[in-house]
N, C-alpha and C. Protein backbone atom coordinates (compact mmCIF):
# COMPACT_ATOMS: atom_id res chain seq x y z
N MET A 1 -32.44 -56.49 -104.78
CA MET A 1 -32.01 -55.49 -103.90
C MET A 1 -31.09 -54.41 -104.23
N SER A 2 -30.21 -55.08 -105.02
CA SER A 2 -28.75 -54.00 -105.08
C SER A 2 -29.03 -52.89 -105.90
N GLU A 3 -30.55 -52.47 -106.43
CA GLU A 3 -30.40 -51.32 -106.90
C GLU A 3 -30.13 -49.99 -106.48
N ASN A 4 -29.50 -49.07 -106.62
CA ASN A 4 -29.04 -47.85 -106.19
C ASN A 4 -28.64 -48.15 -104.49
N LEU A 5 -28.17 -49.00 -104.10
CA LEU A 5 -27.82 -49.40 -102.78
C LEU A 5 -26.33 -48.13 -103.02
N THR A 6 -25.97 -48.05 -101.58
CA THR A 6 -24.73 -47.17 -101.25
C THR A 6 -24.04 -47.99 -100.44
N LEU A 7 -22.69 -47.46 -100.01
CA LEU A 7 -21.74 -48.11 -99.15
C LEU A 7 -22.27 -47.89 -97.67
N ASP A 8 -23.22 -47.17 -97.31
CA ASP A 8 -23.71 -46.97 -96.15
C ASP A 8 -24.80 -48.27 -96.16
N ASP A 9 -25.36 -48.59 -97.08
CA ASP A 9 -26.30 -49.64 -97.35
C ASP A 9 -25.60 -50.99 -96.83
N VAL A 10 -24.45 -51.45 -97.02
CA VAL A 10 -23.63 -52.30 -96.52
C VAL A 10 -22.76 -52.13 -95.22
N ALA A 11 -23.13 -51.14 -94.30
CA ALA A 11 -22.20 -50.82 -93.56
C ALA A 11 -22.31 -52.06 -92.36
N VAL A 12 -23.28 -52.80 -92.15
CA VAL A 12 -23.42 -53.63 -90.90
C VAL A 12 -22.53 -55.06 -91.47
N PRO A 13 -22.48 -55.50 -92.49
CA PRO A 13 -21.69 -56.53 -92.76
C PRO A 13 -20.28 -56.06 -92.53
N LEU A 14 -20.29 -54.67 -93.30
CA LEU A 14 -18.58 -54.03 -93.02
C LEU A 14 -18.05 -54.01 -91.41
N ARG A 15 -18.96 -53.55 -90.90
CA ARG A 15 -18.81 -53.55 -89.42
C ARG A 15 -18.44 -54.35 -88.53
N THR A 16 -19.17 -55.61 -88.95
CA THR A 16 -18.86 -56.77 -88.49
C THR A 16 -17.60 -57.52 -88.70
N LEU A 17 -17.16 -57.29 -90.04
CA LEU A 17 -15.82 -57.33 -90.30
C LEU A 17 -14.89 -56.67 -89.67
N ARG A 18 -14.98 -55.60 -89.33
CA ARG A 18 -13.97 -54.92 -88.65
C ARG A 18 -14.00 -55.42 -87.18
N LEU A 19 -15.20 -55.62 -86.65
CA LEU A 19 -15.17 -56.25 -85.01
C LEU A 19 -14.49 -57.76 -85.19
N LEU A 20 -14.53 -58.46 -86.50
CA LEU A 20 -14.23 -59.88 -86.24
C LEU A 20 -12.90 -59.66 -86.39
N SER A 21 -12.20 -58.62 -87.16
CA SER A 21 -10.74 -58.50 -87.65
C SER A 21 -10.20 -58.31 -86.23
N ALA A 22 -10.78 -57.58 -85.52
CA ALA A 22 -10.36 -56.93 -83.97
C ALA A 22 -10.28 -58.27 -82.98
N ASP A 23 -11.55 -58.83 -83.06
CA ASP A 23 -11.53 -59.78 -81.98
C ASP A 23 -10.91 -61.32 -82.68
N PHE A 24 -10.91 -61.13 -83.71
CA PHE A 24 -10.23 -62.72 -84.21
C PHE A 24 -8.95 -62.82 -85.26
N GLY A 25 -8.38 -61.70 -84.96
CA GLY A 25 -7.35 -61.37 -85.91
C GLY A 25 -6.24 -62.47 -86.22
N HIS A 26 -6.23 -63.04 -84.99
CA HIS A 26 -5.20 -64.32 -84.99
C HIS A 26 -5.49 -65.60 -85.66
N LEU A 27 -7.00 -65.62 -86.06
CA LEU A 27 -7.48 -66.61 -86.81
C LEU A 27 -7.32 -66.91 -88.22
N PRO A 28 -7.18 -68.03 -89.02
CA PRO A 28 -6.96 -68.23 -90.40
C PRO A 28 -7.67 -67.07 -91.18
N ALA A 29 -7.32 -66.69 -92.19
CA ALA A 29 -7.74 -65.44 -93.00
C ALA A 29 -8.55 -66.22 -93.99
N PRO A 30 -9.91 -65.90 -94.11
CA PRO A 30 -10.92 -66.10 -95.05
C PRO A 30 -10.83 -65.42 -96.30
N ASP A 31 -11.53 -65.96 -97.60
CA ASP A 31 -11.92 -65.24 -98.65
C ASP A 31 -13.23 -64.62 -98.01
N VAL A 32 -13.17 -63.27 -98.34
CA VAL A 32 -14.26 -62.08 -97.59
C VAL A 32 -15.17 -61.68 -98.34
N HIS A 33 -16.54 -61.66 -98.51
CA HIS A 33 -17.31 -61.18 -99.56
C HIS A 33 -18.67 -60.59 -99.09
N VAL A 34 -18.84 -59.31 -99.65
CA VAL A 34 -19.81 -58.65 -99.06
C VAL A 34 -20.55 -58.01 -100.65
N SER A 35 -22.01 -58.43 -100.52
CA SER A 35 -22.80 -58.21 -101.46
C SER A 35 -23.76 -57.28 -101.53
N THR A 36 -23.95 -56.38 -102.47
CA THR A 36 -25.24 -55.80 -102.51
C THR A 36 -26.66 -56.40 -102.66
N THR A 37 -26.27 -57.56 -103.20
CA THR A 37 -27.64 -58.57 -103.39
C THR A 37 -28.26 -58.94 -102.06
N TYR A 38 -27.24 -59.28 -101.22
CA TYR A 38 -27.63 -59.30 -99.91
C TYR A 38 -26.82 -58.44 -98.70
N PRO A 39 -27.55 -57.27 -98.54
CA PRO A 39 -26.41 -56.33 -97.87
C PRO A 39 -26.33 -56.36 -96.43
N GLU A 40 -27.08 -57.38 -95.60
CA GLU A 40 -26.98 -57.66 -94.53
C GLU A 40 -25.95 -59.07 -94.02
N ARG A 41 -25.32 -59.70 -95.05
CA ARG A 41 -24.64 -60.95 -94.98
C ARG A 41 -23.03 -60.55 -95.44
N LEU A 42 -22.31 -61.21 -94.60
CA LEU A 42 -21.12 -61.08 -94.78
C LEU A 42 -20.35 -62.67 -94.63
N LYS A 43 -19.92 -63.18 -96.02
CA LYS A 43 -19.47 -64.43 -96.29
C LYS A 43 -18.11 -64.47 -95.96
N LEU A 44 -17.84 -65.43 -95.29
CA LEU A 44 -16.38 -65.93 -95.07
C LEU A 44 -16.24 -67.17 -95.52
N THR A 45 -15.14 -67.63 -96.42
CA THR A 45 -15.13 -68.94 -97.09
C THR A 45 -13.63 -69.50 -96.92
N PHE A 46 -13.40 -70.48 -96.75
CA PHE A 46 -12.37 -71.17 -96.70
C PHE A 46 -12.21 -72.07 -97.60
N HIS A 47 -11.03 -72.03 -98.69
CA HIS A 47 -10.88 -73.22 -99.57
C HIS A 47 -9.85 -73.97 -99.30
N ASP A 48 -9.93 -75.26 -99.20
CA ASP A 48 -8.85 -76.28 -98.78
C ASP A 48 -8.48 -75.86 -97.54
N ASP A 49 -9.52 -75.77 -96.63
CA ASP A 49 -8.89 -75.56 -95.18
C ASP A 49 -10.43 -75.62 -94.38
N LEU A 50 -10.35 -76.81 -94.27
CA LEU A 50 -11.56 -77.24 -93.17
C LEU A 50 -11.34 -76.83 -91.77
N PRO A 51 -9.99 -76.93 -91.31
CA PRO A 51 -9.60 -76.84 -89.81
C PRO A 51 -9.59 -75.32 -90.01
N GLY A 52 -9.50 -74.34 -90.90
CA GLY A 52 -9.81 -73.03 -90.70
C GLY A 52 -11.21 -72.61 -90.43
N PHE A 53 -12.10 -73.26 -91.18
CA PHE A 53 -13.73 -73.29 -91.17
C PHE A 53 -13.65 -73.59 -89.38
N GLU A 54 -13.37 -74.68 -89.11
CA GLU A 54 -13.57 -75.20 -87.62
C GLU A 54 -13.42 -74.40 -86.57
N VAL A 55 -12.11 -73.65 -86.75
CA VAL A 55 -11.68 -72.57 -85.60
C VAL A 55 -12.39 -71.32 -85.56
N TRP A 56 -12.83 -71.09 -86.82
CA TRP A 56 -14.12 -69.83 -86.89
C TRP A 56 -15.19 -70.29 -86.53
N ARG A 57 -15.75 -71.59 -86.78
CA ARG A 57 -16.90 -72.07 -86.29
C ARG A 57 -17.05 -71.92 -84.72
N GLU A 58 -15.73 -72.27 -84.12
CA GLU A 58 -15.84 -72.60 -82.59
C GLU A 58 -15.92 -70.95 -82.32
N ALA A 59 -14.93 -70.21 -82.68
CA ALA A 59 -14.98 -68.76 -82.22
C ALA A 59 -15.97 -68.39 -82.38
N LEU A 60 -17.09 -68.47 -83.21
CA LEU A 60 -18.37 -67.70 -83.25
C LEU A 60 -19.30 -68.19 -82.28
N GLY A 61 -18.97 -69.57 -81.85
CA GLY A 61 -19.83 -70.16 -80.61
C GLY A 61 -21.00 -70.74 -81.62
N VAL A 62 -20.60 -71.19 -82.57
CA VAL A 62 -21.65 -72.11 -83.59
C VAL A 62 -21.61 -73.74 -83.25
N ALA A 63 -22.71 -74.11 -82.71
CA ALA A 63 -22.69 -75.62 -82.48
C ALA A 63 -22.57 -76.78 -83.80
N PRO A 64 -21.64 -77.74 -83.28
CA PRO A 64 -21.08 -78.39 -84.58
C PRO A 64 -22.40 -79.21 -85.49
N ASP A 65 -23.22 -79.40 -84.65
CA ASP A 65 -24.51 -80.18 -85.49
C ASP A 65 -25.60 -78.89 -86.15
N ALA A 66 -25.04 -77.40 -86.21
CA ALA A 66 -25.54 -76.75 -86.99
C ALA A 66 -25.14 -76.65 -88.45
N VAL A 67 -23.94 -77.29 -88.66
CA VAL A 67 -23.15 -77.02 -89.74
C VAL A 67 -24.05 -78.08 -90.71
N THR A 68 -23.98 -77.90 -91.97
CA THR A 68 -24.68 -78.91 -93.01
C THR A 68 -23.22 -79.08 -93.78
N TYR A 69 -23.75 -80.43 -94.29
CA TYR A 69 -22.60 -81.05 -94.94
C TYR A 69 -23.14 -81.47 -96.25
N ARG A 70 -22.47 -81.26 -97.48
CA ARG A 70 -22.94 -81.77 -98.97
C ARG A 70 -21.66 -81.94 -99.78
N GLU A 71 -21.82 -82.57 -100.72
CA GLU A 71 -20.70 -82.66 -101.62
C GLU A 71 -21.05 -82.23 -103.06
N GLN A 72 -20.21 -81.94 -103.76
CA GLN A 72 -20.48 -81.17 -105.19
C GLN A 72 -19.48 -81.91 -105.99
N GLY A 73 -19.74 -81.34 -107.37
CA GLY A 73 -18.50 -81.87 -108.40
C GLY A 73 -18.38 -83.06 -108.41
N ASP A 74 -19.48 -83.82 -108.61
CA ASP A 74 -19.67 -85.45 -108.86
C ASP A 74 -18.92 -86.26 -107.45
N GLY A 75 -19.12 -85.40 -106.33
CA GLY A 75 -18.91 -86.20 -104.77
C GLY A 75 -17.32 -85.72 -104.97
N ARG A 76 -16.61 -85.16 -105.41
CA ARG A 76 -15.03 -84.68 -105.30
C ARG A 76 -15.03 -83.45 -104.45
N THR A 77 -15.86 -82.69 -104.18
CA THR A 77 -15.82 -81.85 -102.96
C THR A 77 -16.70 -81.85 -102.26
N ARG A 78 -16.24 -81.77 -100.86
CA ARG A 78 -16.97 -81.65 -99.75
C ARG A 78 -17.10 -80.01 -99.54
N VAL A 79 -18.29 -79.78 -98.69
CA VAL A 79 -19.00 -78.33 -98.23
C VAL A 79 -19.39 -78.20 -97.21
N LEU A 80 -18.78 -77.31 -96.18
CA LEU A 80 -19.67 -77.44 -94.95
C LEU A 80 -19.85 -76.00 -94.90
N ARG A 81 -21.15 -75.55 -94.50
CA ARG A 81 -21.64 -74.14 -94.83
C ARG A 81 -22.59 -74.26 -93.18
N VAL A 82 -22.65 -73.08 -92.55
CA VAL A 82 -23.06 -72.59 -91.70
C VAL A 82 -23.46 -71.19 -91.45
N SER A 83 -24.67 -70.53 -90.89
CA SER A 83 -24.78 -69.17 -90.82
C SER A 83 -25.19 -68.87 -89.19
N VAL A 84 -24.90 -67.80 -88.99
CA VAL A 84 -24.91 -67.31 -87.67
C VAL A 84 -24.74 -65.43 -87.60
N ASP A 85 -26.03 -65.33 -86.81
CA ASP A 85 -26.13 -64.03 -86.68
C ASP A 85 -24.74 -63.29 -85.66
N HIS A 86 -24.36 -62.35 -86.09
CA HIS A 86 -23.08 -61.86 -85.45
C HIS A 86 -22.85 -60.17 -85.49
N ALA A 87 -23.20 -59.53 -84.44
CA ALA A 87 -23.04 -57.90 -84.40
C ALA A 87 -23.66 -57.51 -85.35
N GLY A 88 -25.02 -58.21 -85.63
CA GLY A 88 -26.22 -57.45 -86.29
C GLY A 88 -26.26 -57.88 -88.03
N ALA A 89 -25.05 -58.70 -88.24
CA ALA A 89 -24.89 -59.24 -89.79
C ALA A 89 -25.23 -60.62 -89.73
N VAL A 90 -25.49 -61.23 -90.85
CA VAL A 90 -25.14 -62.70 -91.10
C VAL A 90 -24.17 -63.27 -91.16
N VAL A 91 -23.31 -63.85 -90.67
CA VAL A 91 -22.23 -64.44 -91.00
C VAL A 91 -22.62 -65.65 -91.38
N GLN A 92 -21.96 -66.07 -93.02
CA GLN A 92 -21.92 -67.14 -93.33
C GLN A 92 -20.72 -67.86 -93.40
N LEU A 93 -20.39 -68.75 -92.82
CA LEU A 93 -18.86 -69.49 -93.06
C LEU A 93 -19.19 -71.12 -93.96
N THR A 94 -18.50 -70.92 -95.04
CA THR A 94 -18.49 -71.70 -95.79
C THR A 94 -17.15 -72.68 -96.18
N GLY A 95 -16.69 -73.72 -96.14
CA GLY A 95 -15.01 -74.46 -96.11
C GLY A 95 -15.59 -75.19 -97.20
N TYR A 96 -14.30 -75.52 -98.10
CA TYR A 96 -14.35 -76.68 -99.36
C TYR A 96 -13.11 -77.15 -99.16
N ALA A 97 -13.39 -78.62 -99.43
CA ALA A 97 -12.19 -79.51 -99.27
C ALA A 97 -12.53 -80.59 -100.18
N ASP A 98 -11.31 -81.34 -100.79
CA ASP A 98 -11.36 -82.57 -101.72
C ASP A 98 -12.14 -83.53 -100.72
N VAL A 99 -12.57 -84.26 -101.44
CA VAL A 99 -12.79 -85.89 -100.79
C VAL A 99 -11.78 -86.56 -100.87
N VAL A 100 -11.53 -86.91 -99.99
CA VAL A 100 -10.39 -88.18 -100.09
C VAL A 100 -10.61 -89.58 -100.55
N ALA A 101 -10.34 -90.23 -101.56
CA ALA A 101 -10.83 -91.54 -101.93
C ALA A 101 -10.11 -92.62 -100.92
N PRO A 102 -10.91 -93.53 -100.27
CA PRO A 102 -10.51 -94.40 -99.76
C PRO A 102 -9.36 -95.26 -100.35
N VAL A 103 -8.30 -95.72 -99.55
CA VAL A 103 -7.30 -96.64 -99.95
C VAL A 103 -7.82 -98.03 -99.72
N LEU A 104 -7.84 -98.64 -100.49
CA LEU A 104 -8.40 -100.14 -100.10
C LEU A 104 -7.07 -100.89 -99.98
N ALA A 105 -7.39 -102.11 -99.39
CA ALA A 105 -6.06 -103.14 -99.31
C ALA A 105 -5.70 -103.79 -100.47
N GLY A 106 -4.57 -103.77 -100.43
CA GLY A 106 -3.77 -104.40 -101.65
C GLY A 106 -3.62 -103.31 -102.78
N GLY A 107 -3.83 -101.81 -102.54
CA GLY A 107 -3.48 -100.95 -103.23
C GLY A 107 -4.35 -100.96 -104.57
N ALA A 108 -5.87 -101.58 -104.36
CA ALA A 108 -6.55 -101.37 -105.40
C ALA A 108 -7.57 -100.40 -104.98
N ALA A 109 -7.77 -99.52 -106.00
CA ALA A 109 -8.68 -98.22 -106.13
C ALA A 109 -9.91 -98.32 -106.71
């Protein structure tokens, strides 16, 4: 879908970003991504900041049970993801964090 798109073709997620920055400028700053491959999508990504992901999830009114959880990197990285329609765009929140290894009694790992 990215063939011959103009900046006007990605105006919806850009406008959504503008609204989010006006309404939620006090929230943690995510990595922001707009793509000509998915011109209706605004991706907000949080690296090593699951609390930031959660604050944004709550601000956008997304129920906790709508969030998907998976692990990647041989179980070393947890990934939370959810999408929601907001102001005409699909806003995709993604949060990454290390999986913390449990500490066993006696200090054995």
